[in-house]
Amino acid sequence: MSFRRSASVVLALVAMTLLLGACVIATDDHGGGAPEPAPPDADATVTITDMSFSPATVEINAGETVAWVWDDGSVTHDVVFDGGTGSPQQNNGTWEHRFPERGLYDYRCTIHPWMTATVIVK
């Protein structure tokens, strides 16, 4: 392995370590305040906390609404479905989406791609 390639590998590993370390540090800071309550018209609520969607799967009926509540301190997340529809990137507040048709709707956080979840519409 050449010196140039070795240096590139080392730099990539250092960058990944710093990025993951920053995410871990940020998740410990929940700001001390209570998250915003879910909108009253939501039929199901997903909380974004500790770098995950909770619960990871919700079931609703066609025509119902899911609300997402950000409760992960200063960490920015979004909720994006296949096809690109979704919430803005934010670190607090709520966002809701109505599901008019039956189906399986997988979504993720585009900032933290390991954060995935599903809405099942019956």
PDB file of N, CA and C in Angstrom:
ATOM      1  N   MET A   1       0.854  -1.165   0.000  1.00  0.00           N
ATOM      2  CA  MET A   1       0.000   0.000   0.000  1.00  0.00           C
ATOM      3  C   MET A   1       0.900   1.227   0.000  1.00  0.00           C
ATOM      4  N   SER A   2       0.619   2.199  -0.838  1.00  0.00           N
ATOM      5  CA  SER A   2       1.458   3.387  -0.939  1.00  0.00           C
ATOM      6  C   SER A   2       1.209   4.320   0.236  1.00  0.00           C
ATOM      7  N   PHE A   3       2.165   5.224   0.454  1.00  0.00           N
ATOM      8  CA  PHE A   3       2.029   6.204   1.534  1.00  0.00           C
ATOM      9  C   PHE A   3       0.793   7.067   1.334  1.00  0.00           C
ATOM     10  N   ARG A   4       0.552   7.479   0.101  1.00  0.00           N
ATOM     11  CA  ARG A   4      -0.587   8.360  -0.205  1.00  0.00           C
ATOM     12  C   ARG A   4      -1.905   7.658   0.145  1.00  0.00           C
ATOM     13  N   ARG A   5      -2.022   6.393  -0.229  1.00  0.00           N
ATOM     14  CA  ARG A   5      -3.252   5.642   0.067  1.00  0.00           C
ATOM     15  C   ARG A   5      -3.391   5.413   1.574  1.00  0.00           C
ATOM     16  N   SER A   6      -2.275   5.096   2.259  1.00  0.00           N
ATOM     17  CA  SER A   6      -2.303   4.903   3.712  1.00  0.00           C
ATOM     18  C   SER A   6      -2.746   6.170   4.414  1.00  0.00           C
ATOM     19  N   ALA A   7      -2.232   7.314   3.969  1.00  0.00           N
ATOM     20  CA  ALA A   7      -2.609   8.590   4.579  1.00  0.00           C
ATOM     21  C   ALA A   7      -4.090   8.867   4.359  1.00  0.00           C
ATOM     22  N   SER A   8      -4.602   8.526   3.180  1.00  0.00           N
ATOM     23  CA  SER A   8      -6.027   8.741   2.902  1.00  0.00           C
ATOM     24  C   SER A   8      -6.906   7.889   3.807  1.00  0.00           C
ATOM     25  N   VAL A   9      -6.492   6.654   4.015  1.00  0.00           N
ATOM     26  CA  VAL A   9      -7.255   5.750   4.885  1.00  0.00           C
ATOM     27  C   VAL A   9      -7.248   6.270   6.316  1.00  0.00           C
ATOM     28  N   VAL A  10      -6.101   6.693   6.802  1.00  0.00           N
ATOM     29  CA  VAL A  10      -5.996   7.219   8.166  1.00  0.00           C
ATOM     30  C   VAL A  10      -6.858   8.465   8.320  1.00  0.00           C
ATOM     31  N   LEU A  11      -6.804   9.382   7.363  1.00  0.00           N
ATOM     32  CA  LEU A  11      -7.627  10.595   7.437  1.00  0.00           C
ATOM     33  C   LEU A  11      -9.115  10.267   7.431  1.00  0.00           C
ATOM     34  N   ALA A  12      -9.524   9.300   6.624  1.00  0.00           N
ATOM     35  CA  ALA A  12     -10.933   8.907   6.589  1.00  0.00           C
ATOM     36  C   ALA A  12     -11.369   8.329   7.931  1.00  0.00           C
ATOM     37  N   LEU A  13     -10.530   7.506   8.541  1.00  0.00           N
ATOM     38  CA  LEU A  13     -10.861   6.924   9.845  1.00  0.00           C
ATOM     39  C   LEU A  13     -10.945   7.992  10.929  1.00  0.00           C
ATOM     40  N   VAL A  14     -10.041   8.947  10.911  1.00  0.00           N
ATOM     41  CA  VAL A  14     -10.072  10.047  11.884  1.00  0.00           C
ATOM     42  C   VAL A  14     -11.344  10.861  11.708  1.00  0.00           C
ATOM     43  N   ALA A  15     -11.705  11.179  10.463  1.00  0.00           N
ATOM     44  CA  ALA A  15     -12.920  11.954  10.204  1.00  0.00           C
ATOM     45  C   ALA A  15     -14.160  11.215  10.691  1.00  0.00           C
ATOM     46  N   MET A  16     -14.242   9.906  10.441  1.00  0.00           N
ATOM     47  CA  MET A  16     -15.395   9.128  10.888  1.00  0.00           C
ATOM     48  C   MET A  16     -15.471   9.091  12.408  1.00  0.00           C
ATOM     49  N   THR A  17     -14.331   8.947  13.060  1.00  0.00           N
ATOM     50  CA  THR A  17     -14.292   8.912  14.525  1.00  0.00           C
ATOM     51  C   THR A  17     -14.785  10.233  15.099  1.00  0.00           C
ATOM     52  N   LEU A  18     -14.320  11.337  14.529  1.00  0.00           N
ATOM     53  CA  LEU A  18     -14.767  12.653  15.013  1.00  0.00           C
ATOM     54  C   LEU A  18     -16.255  12.855  14.792  1.00  0.00           C
ATOM     55  N   LEU A  19     -16.758  12.457  13.630  1.00  0.00           N
ATOM     56  CA  LEU A  19     -18.180  12.604  13.330  1.00  0.00           C
ATOM     57  C   LEU A  19     -19.031  11.785  14.280  1.00  0.00           C
ATOM     58  N   LEU A  20     -18.670  10.536  14.494  1.00  0.00           N
ATOM     59  CA  LEU A  20     -19.428   9.689  15.412  1.00  0.00           C
ATOM     60  C   LEU A  20     -19.332  10.199  16.843  1.00  0.00           C
ATOM     61  N   GLY A  21     -18.180  10.684  17.229  1.00  0.00           N
ATOM     62  CA  GLY A  21     -18.015  11.249  18.571  1.00  0.00           C
ATOM     63  C   GLY A  21     -18.900  12.457  18.779  1.00  0.00           C
ATOM     64  N   ALA A  22     -19.007  13.312  17.768  1.00  0.00           N
ATOM     65  CA  ALA A  22     -19.866  14.488  17.876  1.00  0.00           C
ATOM     66  C   ALA A  22     -21.321  14.084  18.014  1.00  0.00           C
ATOM     67  N   CYS A  23     -21.743  13.052  17.291  1.00  0.00           N
ATOM     68  CA  CYS A  23     -23.126  12.575  17.395  1.00  0.00           C
ATOM     69  C   CYS A  23     -23.406  12.035  18.785  1.00  0.00           C
ATOM     70  N   VAL A  24     -22.482  11.283  19.343  1.00  0.00           N
ATOM     71  CA  VAL A  24     -22.672  10.709  20.677  1.00  0.00           C
ATOM     72  C   VAL A  24     -22.746  11.810  21.722  1.00  0.00           C
ATOM     73  N   ILE A  25     -21.874  12.787  21.638  1.00  0.00           N
ATOM     74  CA  ILE A  25     -21.884  13.895  22.593  1.00  0.00           C
ATOM     75  C   ILE A  25     -23.203  14.644  22.500  1.00  0.00           C
ATOM     76  N   ALA A  26     -23.664  14.905  21.286  1.00  0.00           N
ATOM     77  CA  ALA A  26     -24.891  15.680  21.108  1.00  0.00           C
ATOM     78  C   ALA A  26     -26.111  14.949  21.653  1.00  0.00           C
ATOM     79  N   THR A  27     -26.141  13.629  21.602  1.00  0.00           N
ATOM     80  CA  THR A  27     -27.326  12.916  22.058  1.00  0.00           C
ATOM     81  C   THR A  27     -27.487  12.978  23.568  1.00  0.00           C
ATOM     82  N   ASP A  28     -26.420  13.288  24.291  1.00  0.00           N
ATOM     83  CA  ASP A  28     -26.525  13.386  25.735  1.00  0.00           C
ATOM     84  C   ASP A  28     -27.155  14.700  26.183  1.00  0.00           C
ATOM     85  N   ASP A  29     -27.312  15.653  25.272  1.00  0.00           N
ATOM     86  CA  ASP A  29     -27.845  16.965  25.598  1.00  0.00           C
ATOM     87  C   ASP A  29     -29.278  17.064  25.114  1.00  0.00           C
ATOM     88  N   HIS A  30     -30.209  16.807  25.997  1.00  0.00           N
ATOM     89  CA  HIS A  30     -31.619  16.914  25.629  1.00  0.00           C
ATOM     90  C   HIS A  30     -32.189  18.278  25.970  1.00  0.00           C
ATOM     91  N   GLY A  31     -31.332  19.241  26.261  1.00  0.00           N
ATOM     92  CA  GLY A  31     -31.788  20.596  26.471  1.00  0.00           C
ATOM     93  C   GLY A  31     -32.501  20.827  27.778  1.00  0.00           C
ATOM     94  N   GLY A  32     -32.840  19.806  28.512  1.00  0.00           N
ATOM     95  CA  GLY A  32     -33.458  19.972  29.818  1.00  0.00           C
ATOM     96  C   GLY A  32     -34.942  20.299  29.775  1.00  0.00           C
ATOM     97  N   GLY A  33     -35.484  20.685  28.620  1.00  0.00           N
ATOM     98  CA  GLY A  33     -36.888  21.028  28.541  1.00  0.00           C
ATOM     99  C   GLY A  33     -37.705  19.894  27.973  1.00  0.00           C
ATOM    100  N   ALA A  34     -38.989  19.987  28.159  1.00  0.00           N
ATOM    101  CA  ALA A  34     -39.887  18.973  27.615  1.00  0.00           C
ATOM    102  C   ALA A  34     -40.066  19.211  26.118  1.00  0.00           C
ATOM    103  N   PRO A  35     -40.219  18.145  25.342  1.00  0.00           N
ATOM    104  CA  PRO A  35     -40.460  18.326  23.910  1.00  0.00           C
ATOM    105  C   PRO A  35     -41.838  18.925  23.686  1.00  0.00           C
ATOM    106  N   GLU A  36     -42.026  19.494  22.502  1.00  0.00           N
ATOM    107  CA  GLU A  36     -43.352  19.993  22.159  1.00  0.00           C
ATOM    108  C   GLU A  36     -44.331  18.827  22.138  1.00  0.00           C
ATOM    109  N   PRO A  37     -45.561  19.055  22.582  1.00  0.00           N
ATOM    110  CA  PRO A  37     -46.540  17.957  22.508  1.00  0.00           C
ATOM    111  C   PRO A  37     -46.920  17.696  21.053  1.00  0.00           C
ATOM    112  N   ALA A  38     -47.351  16.473  20.790  1.00  0.00           N
ATOM    113  CA  ALA A  38     -47.812  16.129  19.447  1.00  0.00           C
ATOM    114  C   ALA A  38     -49.072  16.926  19.132  1.00  0.00           C
ATOM    115  N   PRO A  39     -49.289  17.268  17.868  1.00  0.00           N
ATOM    116  CA  PRO A  39     -50.529  17.962  17.505  1.00  0.00           C
ATOM    117  C   PRO A  39     -51.738  17.133  17.937  1.00  0.00           C
ATOM    118  N   PRO A  40     -52.788  17.784  18.419  1.00  0.00           N
ATOM    119  CA  PRO A  40     -53.938  17.048  18.950  1.00  0.00           C
ATOM    120  C   PRO A  40     -54.667  16.195  17.915  1.00  0.00           C
ATOM    121  N   ASP A  41     -54.518  16.513  16.638  1.00  0.00           N
ATOM    122  CA  ASP A  41     -55.227  15.733  15.617  1.00  0.00           C
ATOM    123  C   ASP A  41     -54.420  14.534  15.122  1.00  0.00           C
ATOM    124  N   ALA A  42     -53.260  14.268  15.709  1.00  0.00           N
ATOM    125  CA  ALA A  42     -52.431  13.125  15.289  1.00  0.00           C
ATOM    126  C   ALA A  42     -53.047  11.816  15.782  1.00  0.00           C
ATOM    127  N   ASP A  43     -53.040  10.816  14.914  1.00  0.00           N
ATOM    128  CA  ASP A  43     -53.555   9.490  15.268  1.00  0.00           C
ATOM    129  C   ASP A  43     -52.452   8.592  15.827  1.00  0.00           C
ATOM    130  N   ALA A  44     -51.199   8.936  15.549  1.00  0.00           N
ATOM    131  CA  ALA A  44     -50.037   8.216  16.080  1.00  0.00           C
ATOM    132  C   ALA A  44     -48.902   9.230  16.209  1.00  0.00           C
ATOM    133  N   THR A  45     -48.015   8.966  17.149  1.00  0.00           N
ATOM    134  CA  THR A  45     -46.888   9.872  17.389  1.00  0.00           C
ATOM    135  C   THR A  45     -45.588   9.087  17.393  1.00  0.00           C
ATOM    136  N   VAL A  46     -44.581   9.625  16.724  1.00  0.00           N
ATOM    137  CA  VAL A  46     -43.228   9.069  16.729  1.00  0.00           C
ATOM    138  C   VAL A  46     -42.330  10.135  17.346  1.00  0.00           C
ATOM    139  N   THR A  47     -41.547   9.732  18.343  1.00  0.00           N
ATOM    140  CA  THR A  47     -40.609  10.651  18.976  1.00  0.00           C
ATOM    141  C   THR A  47     -39.218  10.398  18.408  1.00  0.00           C
ATOM    142  N   ILE A  48     -38.537  11.472  18.069  1.00  0.00           N
ATOM    143  CA  ILE A  48     -37.158  11.369  17.595  1.00  0.00           C
ATOM    144  C   ILE A  48     -36.272  11.687  18.791  1.00  0.00           C
ATOM    145  N   THR A  49     -35.626  10.646  19.313  1.00  0.00           N
ATOM    146  CA  THR A  49     -34.805  10.782  20.509  1.00  0.00           C
ATOM    147  C   THR A  49     -33.690   9.752  20.489  1.00  0.00           C
ATOM    148  N   ASP A  50     -32.573  10.083  21.096  1.00  0.00           N
ATOM    149  CA  ASP A  50     -31.435   9.151  21.175  1.00  0.00           C
ATOM    150  C   ASP A  50     -31.057   8.585  19.815  1.00  0.00           C
ATOM    151  N   MET A  51     -31.076   9.449  18.795  1.00  0.00           N
ATOM    152  CA  MET A  51     -30.671   9.078  17.437  1.00  0.00           C
ATOM    153  C   MET A  51     -31.508   7.927  16.877  1.00  0.00           C
ATOM    154  N   SER A  52     -32.816   7.938  17.203  1.00  0.00           N
ATOM    155  CA  SER A  52     -33.699   6.899  16.669  1.00  0.00           C
ATOM    156  C   SER A  52     -35.131   7.406  16.620  1.00  0.00           C
ATOM    157  N   PHE A  53     -35.960   6.681  15.862  1.00  0.00           N
ATOM    158  CA  PHE A  53     -37.393   6.934  15.803  1.00  0.00           C
ATOM    159  C   PHE A  53     -38.062   5.963  16.766  1.00  0.00           C
ATOM    160  N   SER A  54     -38.920   6.481  17.639  1.00  0.00           N
ATOM    161  CA  SER A  54     -39.555   5.617  18.628  1.00  0.00           C
ATOM    162  C   SER A  54     -41.055   5.897  18.686  1.00  0.00           C
ATOM    163  N   PRO A  55     -41.867   4.897  18.370  1.00  0.00           N
ATOM    164  CA  PRO A  55     -41.525   3.531  17.985  1.00  0.00           C
ATOM    165  C   PRO A  55     -41.032   3.486  16.535  1.00  0.00           C
ATOM    166  N   ALA A  56     -40.334   2.419  16.202  1.00  0.00           N
ATOM    167  CA  ALA A  56     -39.776   2.260  14.859  1.00  0.00           C
ATOM    168  C   ALA A  56     -40.842   1.871  13.836  1.00  0.00           C
ATOM    169  N   THR A  57     -41.970   1.356  14.307  1.00  0.00           N
ATOM    170  CA  THR A  57     -43.085   1.008  13.423  1.00  0.00           C
ATOM    171  C   THR A  57     -44.380   1.484  14.060  1.00  0.00           C
ATOM    172  N   VAL A  58     -45.185   2.191  13.276  1.00  0.00           N
ATOM    173  CA  VAL A  58     -46.524   2.563  13.737  1.00  0.00           C
ATOM    174  C   VAL A  58     -47.534   2.061  12.719  1.00  0.00           C
ATOM    175  N   GLU A  59     -48.725   1.703  13.223  1.00  0.00           N
ATOM    176  CA  GLU A  59     -49.825   1.260  12.364  1.00  0.00           C
ATOM    177  C   GLU A  59     -50.980   2.227  12.508  1.00  0.00           C
ATOM    178  N   ILE A  60     -51.495   2.650  11.366  1.00  0.00           N
ATOM    179  CA  ILE A  60     -52.649   3.548  11.350  1.00  0.00           C
ATOM    180  C   ILE A  60     -53.600   3.085  10.250  1.00  0.00           C
ATOM    181  N   ASN A  61     -54.767   3.699  10.194  1.00  0.00           N
ATOM    182  CA  ASN A  61     -55.722   3.435   9.128  1.00  0.00           C
ATOM    183  C   ASN A  61     -55.561   4.482   8.033  1.00  0.00           C
ATOM    184  N   ALA A  62     -55.962   4.135   6.816  1.00  0.00           N
ATOM    185  CA  ALA A  62     -55.900   5.078   5.696  1.00  0.00           C
ATOM    186  C   ALA A  62     -56.644   6.359   6.065  1.00  0.00           C
ATOM    187  N   GLY A  63     -56.061   7.485   5.744  1.00  0.00           N
ATOM    188  CA  GLY A  63     -56.655   8.785   6.043  1.00  0.00           C
ATOM    189  C   GLY A  63     -56.202   9.371   7.370  1.00  0.00           C
ATOM    190  N   GLU A  64     -55.464   8.610   8.162  1.00  0.00           N
ATOM    191  CA  GLU A  64     -55.014   9.103   9.471  1.00  0.00           C
ATOM    192  C   GLU A  64     -53.654   9.803   9.360  1.00  0.00           C
ATOM    193  N   THR A  65     -53.279  10.451  10.464  1.00  0.00           N
ATOM    194  CA  THR A  65     -52.091  11.301  10.505  1.00  0.00           C
ATOM    195  C   THR A  65     -51.099  10.815  11.546  1.00  0.00           C
ATOM    196  N   VAL A  66     -49.816  10.882  11.181  1.00  0.00           N
ATOM    197  CA  VAL A  66     -48.730  10.602  12.118  1.00  0.00           C
ATOM    198  C   VAL A  66     -48.008  11.920  12.394  1.00  0.00           C
ATOM    199  N   ALA A  67     -47.683  12.142  13.659  1.00  0.00           N
ATOM    200  CA  ALA A  67     -46.903  13.318  14.052  1.00  0.00           C
ATOM    201  C   ALA A  67     -45.537  12.863  14.546  1.00  0.00           C
ATOM    202  N   TRP A  68     -44.500  13.582  14.156  1.00  0.00           N
ATOM    203  CA  TRP A  68     -43.146  13.344  14.645  1.00  0.00           C
ATOM    204  C   TRP A  68     -42.786  14.487  15.576  1.00  0.00           C
ATOM    205  N   VAL A  69     -42.233  14.130  16.730  1.00  0.00           N
ATOM    206  CA  VAL A  69     -41.843  15.110  17.745  1.00  0.00           C
ATOM    207  C   VAL A  69     -40.339  15.017  17.940  1.00  0.00           C
ATOM    208  N   TRP A  70     -39.644  16.125  17.731  1.00  0.00           N
ATOM    209  CA  TRP A  70     -38.194  16.168  17.910  1.00  0.00           C
ATOM    210  C   TRP A  70     -37.880  16.347  19.392  1.00  0.00           C
ATOM    211  N   ASP A  71     -37.113  15.407  19.947  1.00  0.00           N
ATOM    212  CA  ASP A  71     -36.698  15.456  21.355  1.00  0.00           C
ATOM    213  C   ASP A  71     -35.285  14.873  21.465  1.00  0.00           C
ATOM    214  N   ASP A  72     -34.359  15.449  20.716  1.00  0.00           N
ATOM    215  CA  ASP A  72     -32.992  14.942  20.702  1.00  0.00           C
ATOM    216  C   ASP A  72     -31.986  16.083  20.899  1.00  0.00           C
ATOM    217  N   GLY A  73     -32.322  16.993  21.806  1.00  0.00           N
ATOM    218  CA  GLY A  73     -31.421  18.100  22.104  1.00  0.00           C
ATOM    219  C   GLY A  73     -31.184  18.961  20.874  1.00  0.00           C
ATOM    220  N   SER A  74     -29.941  19.298  20.647  1.00  0.00           N
ATOM    221  CA  SER A  74     -29.600  20.170  19.524  1.00  0.00           C
ATOM    222  C   SER A  74     -29.276  19.400  18.248  1.00  0.00           C
ATOM    223  N   VAL A  75     -29.512  18.087  18.244  1.00  0.00           N
ATOM    224  CA  VAL A  75     -29.210  17.261  17.074  1.00  0.00           C
ATOM    225  C   VAL A  75     -30.292  17.483  16.012  1.00  0.00           C
ATOM    226  N   THR A  76     -29.864  17.776  14.795  1.00  0.00           N
ATOM    227  CA  THR A  76     -30.782  18.011  13.682  1.00  0.00           C
ATOM    228  C   THR A  76     -31.115  16.694  12.994  1.00  0.00           C
ATOM    229  N   HIS A  77     -32.397  16.516  12.688  1.00  0.00           N
ATOM    230  CA  HIS A  77     -32.885  15.322  11.986  1.00  0.00           C
ATOM    231  C   HIS A  77     -33.921  15.760  10.955  1.00  0.00           C
ATOM    232  N   ASP A  78     -34.292  14.835  10.096  1.00  0.00           N
ATOM    233  CA  ASP A  78     -35.441  15.003   9.220  1.00  0.00           C
ATOM    234  C   ASP A  78     -36.140  13.659   9.079  1.00  0.00           C
ATOM    235  N   VAL A  79     -37.297  13.692   8.453  1.00  0.00           N
ATOM    236  CA  VAL A  79     -38.096  12.490   8.180  1.00  0.00           C
ATOM    237  C   VAL A  79     -38.337  12.497   6.679  1.00  0.00           C
ATOM    238  N   VAL A  80     -37.722  11.550   5.951  1.00  0.00           N
ATOM    239  CA  VAL A  80     -37.840  11.542   4.498  1.00  0.00           C
ATOM    240  C   VAL A  80     -38.263  10.155   4.023  1.00  0.00           C
ATOM    241  N   PHE A  81     -39.325  10.149   3.212  1.00  0.00           N
ATOM    242  CA  PHE A  81     -39.855   8.911   2.646  1.00  0.00           C
ATOM    243  C   PHE A  81     -39.198   8.629   1.310  1.00  0.00           C
ATOM    244  N   ASP A  82     -39.283   7.367   0.861  1.00  0.00           N
ATOM    245  CA  ASP A  82     -38.790   7.040  -0.474  1.00  0.00           C
ATOM    246  C   ASP A  82     -39.487   7.966  -1.460  1.00  0.00           C
ATOM    247  N   GLY A  83     -38.747   8.528  -2.374  1.00  0.00           N
ATOM    248  CA  GLY A  83     -39.307   9.481  -3.313  1.00  0.00           C
ATOM    249  C   GLY A  83     -39.014  10.919  -2.919  1.00  0.00           C
ATOM    250  N   GLY A  84     -38.495  11.123  -1.711  1.00  0.00           N
ATOM    251  CA  GLY A  84     -38.043  12.451  -1.311  1.00  0.00           C
ATOM    252  C   GLY A  84     -39.006  13.305  -0.521  1.00  0.00           C
ATOM    253  N   THR A  85     -40.258  12.894  -0.372  1.00  0.00           N
ATOM    254  CA  THR A  85     -41.213  13.680   0.410  1.00  0.00           C
ATOM    255  C   THR A  85     -40.850  13.596   1.880  1.00  0.00           C
ATOM    256  N   GLY A  86     -40.952  14.722   2.589  1.00  0.00           N
ATOM    257  CA  GLY A  86     -40.679  14.653   4.013  1.00  0.00           C
ATOM    258  C   GLY A  86     -40.573  16.001   4.685  1.00  0.00           C
ATOM    259  N   SER A  87     -40.087  15.948   5.899  1.00  0.00           N
ATOM    260  CA  SER A  87     -40.000  17.134   6.747  1.00  0.00           C
ATOM    261  C   SER A  87     -38.761  17.955   6.413  1.00  0.00           C
ATOM    262  N   PRO A  88     -38.735  19.182   6.903  1.00  0.00           N
ATOM    263  CA  PRO A  88     -37.482  19.940   6.820  1.00  0.00           C
ATOM    264  C   PRO A  88     -36.491  19.390   7.846  1.00  0.00           C
ATOM    265  N   GLN A  89     -35.231  19.744   7.686  1.00  0.00           N
ATOM    266  CA  GLN A  89     -34.241  19.410   8.710  1.00  0.00           C
ATOM    267  C   GLN A  89     -34.450  20.373   9.871  1.00  0.00           C
ATOM    268  N   GLN A  90     -34.562  19.812  11.078  1.00  0.00           N
ATOM    269  CA  GLN A  90     -34.814  20.634  12.257  1.00  0.00           C
ATOM    270  C   GLN A  90     -34.322  19.924  13.499  1.00  0.00           C
ATOM    271  N   ASN A  91     -34.174  20.666  14.598  1.00  0.00           N
ATOM    272  CA  ASN A  91     -33.720  20.050  15.850  1.00  0.00           C
ATOM    273  C   ASN A  91     -34.743  20.200  16.968  1.00  0.00           C
ATOM    274  N   ASN A  92     -35.904  20.745  16.665  1.00  0.00           N
ATOM    275  CA  ASN A  92     -36.985  20.807  17.647  1.00  0.00           C
ATOM    276  C   ASN A  92     -38.303  20.983  16.909  1.00  0.00           C
ATOM    277  N   GLY A  93     -39.382  20.898  17.642  1.00  0.00           N
ATOM    278  CA  GLY A  93     -40.694  21.092  17.047  1.00  0.00           C
ATOM    279  C   GLY A  93     -41.363  19.793  16.654  1.00  0.00           C
ATOM    280  N   THR A  94     -42.351  19.919  15.782  1.00  0.00           N
ATOM    281  CA  THR A  94     -43.120  18.767  15.315  1.00  0.00           C
ATOM    282  C   THR A  94     -43.335  18.877  13.815  1.00  0.00           C
ATOM    283  N   TRP A  95     -43.720  17.773  13.224  1.00  0.00           N
ATOM    284  CA  TRP A  95     -44.106  17.722  11.814  1.00  0.00           C
ATOM    285  C   TRP A  95     -45.102  16.595  11.690  1.00  0.00           C
ATOM    286  N   GLU A  96     -46.122  16.783  10.861  1.00  0.00           N
ATOM    287  CA  GLU A  96     -47.103  15.711  10.694  1.00  0.00           C
ATOM    288  C   GLU A  96     -47.402  15.466   9.229  1.00  0.00           C
ATOM    289  N   HIS A  97     -47.854  14.235   8.969  1.00  0.00           N
ATOM    290  CA  HIS A  97     -48.154  13.821   7.604  1.00  0.00           C
ATOM    291  C   HIS A  97     -49.370  12.911   7.620  1.00  0.00           C
ATOM    292  N   ARG A  98     -50.314  13.186   6.711  1.00  0.00           N
ATOM    293  CA  ARG A  98     -51.507  12.356   6.569  1.00  0.00           C
ATOM    294  C   ARG A  98     -51.257  11.328   5.476  1.00  0.00           C
ATOM    295  N   PHE A  99     -51.721  10.097   5.709  1.00  0.00           N
ATOM    296  CA  PHE A  99     -51.528   8.985   4.779  1.00  0.00           C
ATOM    297  C   PHE A  99     -52.885   8.582   4.207  1.00  0.00           C
ATOM    298  N   PRO A 100     -53.212   9.038   2.996  1.00  0.00           N
ATOM    299  CA  PRO A 100     -54.536   8.768   2.436  1.00  0.00           C
ATOM    300  C   PRO A 100     -54.734   7.339   1.919  1.00  0.00           C
ATOM    301  N   GLU A 101     -53.637   6.639   1.614  1.00  0.00           N
ATOM    302  CA  GLU A 101     -53.767   5.318   1.002  1.00  0.00           C
ATOM    303  C   GLU A 101     -53.058   4.235   1.813  1.00  0.00           C
ATOM    304  N   ARG A 102     -53.619   3.022   1.719  1.00  0.00           N
ATOM    305  CA  ARG A 102     -52.997   1.863   2.381  1.00  0.00           C
ATOM    306  C   ARG A 102     -51.608   1.622   1.805  1.00  0.00           C
ATOM    307  N   GLY A 103     -50.743   1.041   2.623  1.00  0.00           N
ATOM    308  CA  GLY A 103     -49.412   0.698   2.132  1.00  0.00           C
ATOM    309  C   GLY A 103     -48.380   0.668   3.241  1.00  0.00           C
ATOM    310  N   LEU A 104     -47.178   0.384   2.840  1.00  0.00           N
ATOM    311  CA  LEU A 104     -46.034   0.333   3.740  1.00  0.00           C
ATOM    312  C   LEU A 104     -45.136   1.506   3.364  1.00  0.00           C
ATOM    313  N   TYR A 105     -44.894   2.403   4.299  1.00  0.00           N
ATOM    314  CA  TYR A 105     -44.133   3.616   4.033  1.00  0.00           C
ATOM    315  C   TYR A 105     -42.855   3.616   4.888  1.00  0.00           C
ATOM    316  N   ASP A 106     -41.742   3.304   4.238  1.00  0.00           N
ATOM    317  CA  ASP A 106     -40.454   3.327   4.927  1.00  0.00           C
ATOM    318  C   ASP A 106     -39.919   4.753   4.889  1.00  0.00           C
ATOM    319  N   TYR A 107     -39.256   5.162   5.954  1.00  0.00           N
ATOM    320  CA  TYR A 107     -38.645   6.487   5.983  1.00  0.00           C
ATOM    321  C   TYR A 107     -37.332   6.442   6.739  1.00  0.00           C
ATOM    322  N   ARG A 108     -36.591   7.542   6.633  1.00  0.00           N
ATOM    323  CA  ARG A 108     -35.263   7.614   7.250  1.00  0.00           C
ATOM    324  C   ARG A 108     -34.925   9.066   7.559  1.00  0.00           C
ATOM    325  N   CYS A 109     -33.866   9.227   8.298  1.00  0.00           N
ATOM    326  CA  CYS A 109     -33.249  10.535   8.505  1.00  0.00           C
ATOM    327  C   CYS A 109     -32.107  10.615   7.502  1.00  0.00           C
ATOM    328  N   THR A 110     -32.125  11.608   6.617  1.00  0.00           N
ATOM    329  CA  THR A 110     -31.080  11.686   5.599  1.00  0.00           C
ATOM    330  C   THR A 110     -29.736  12.101   6.192  1.00  0.00           C
ATOM    331  N   ILE A 111     -29.746  12.706   7.363  1.00  0.00           N
ATOM    332  CA  ILE A 111     -28.511  13.125   8.014  1.00  0.00           C
ATOM    333  C   ILE A 111     -27.840  11.940   8.694  1.00  0.00           C
ATOM    334  N   HIS A 112     -28.659  11.048   9.255  1.00  0.00           N
ATOM    335  CA  HIS A 112     -28.170   9.857   9.969  1.00  0.00           C
ATOM    336  C   HIS A 112     -28.822   8.638   9.322  1.00  0.00           C
ATOM    337  N   PRO A 113     -28.249   8.117   8.237  1.00  0.00           N
ATOM    338  CA  PRO A 113     -28.919   7.083   7.435  1.00  0.00           C
ATOM    339  C   PRO A 113     -29.228   5.776   8.151  1.00  0.00           C
ATOM    340  N   TRP A 114     -28.644   5.528   9.308  1.00  0.00           N
ATOM    341  CA  TRP A 114     -28.970   4.306  10.057  1.00  0.00           C
ATOM    342  C   TRP A 114     -30.318   4.461  10.777  1.00  0.00           C
ATOM    343  N   MET A 115     -30.826   5.683  10.857  1.00  0.00           N
ATOM    344  CA  MET A 115     -32.127   5.917  11.496  1.00  0.00           C
ATOM    345  C   MET A 115     -33.215   5.626  10.467  1.00  0.00           C
ATOM    346  N   THR A 116     -33.890   4.505  10.620  1.00  0.00           N
ATOM    347  CA  THR A 116     -34.954   4.116   9.699  1.00  0.00           C
ATOM    348  C   THR A 116     -36.169   3.658  10.491  1.00  0.00           C
ATOM    349  N   ALA A 117     -37.328   3.756   9.868  1.00  0.00           N
ATOM    350  CA  ALA A 117     -38.570   3.323  10.523  1.00  0.00           C
ATOM    351  C   ALA A 117     -39.648   3.136   9.437  1.00  0.00           C
ATOM    352  N   THR A 118     -40.835   2.724   9.887  1.00  0.00           N
ATOM    353  CA  THR A 118     -41.912   2.380   8.947  1.00  0.00           C
ATOM    354  C   THR A 118     -43.261   2.810   9.492  1.00  0.00           C
ATOM    355  N   VAL A 119     -44.105   3.282   8.564  1.00  0.00           N
ATOM    356  CA  VAL A 119     -45.516   3.522   8.861  1.00  0.00           C
ATOM    357  C   VAL A 119     -46.304   2.494   8.056  1.00  0.00           C
ATOM    358  N   ILE A 120     -47.146   1.723   8.745  1.00  0.00           N
ATOM    359  CA  ILE A 120     -48.008   0.745   8.083  1.00  0.00           C
ATOM    360  C   ILE A 120     -49.409   1.330   8.083  1.00  0.00           C
ATOM    361  N   VAL A 121     -49.954   1.491   6.869  1.00  0.00           N
ATOM    362  CA  VAL A 121     -51.304   2.053   6.735  1.00  0.00           C
ATOM    363  C   VAL A 121     -52.233   0.947   6.292  1.00  0.00           C
ATOM    364  N   LYS A 122     -53.225   0.632   7.173  1.00  0.00           N
ATOM    365  CA  LYS A 122     -54.166  -0.463   6.910  1.00  0.00           C
ATOM    366  C   LYS A 122     -55.394   0.030   6.163  1.00  0.00           C
TER     367      LYS A 122
END
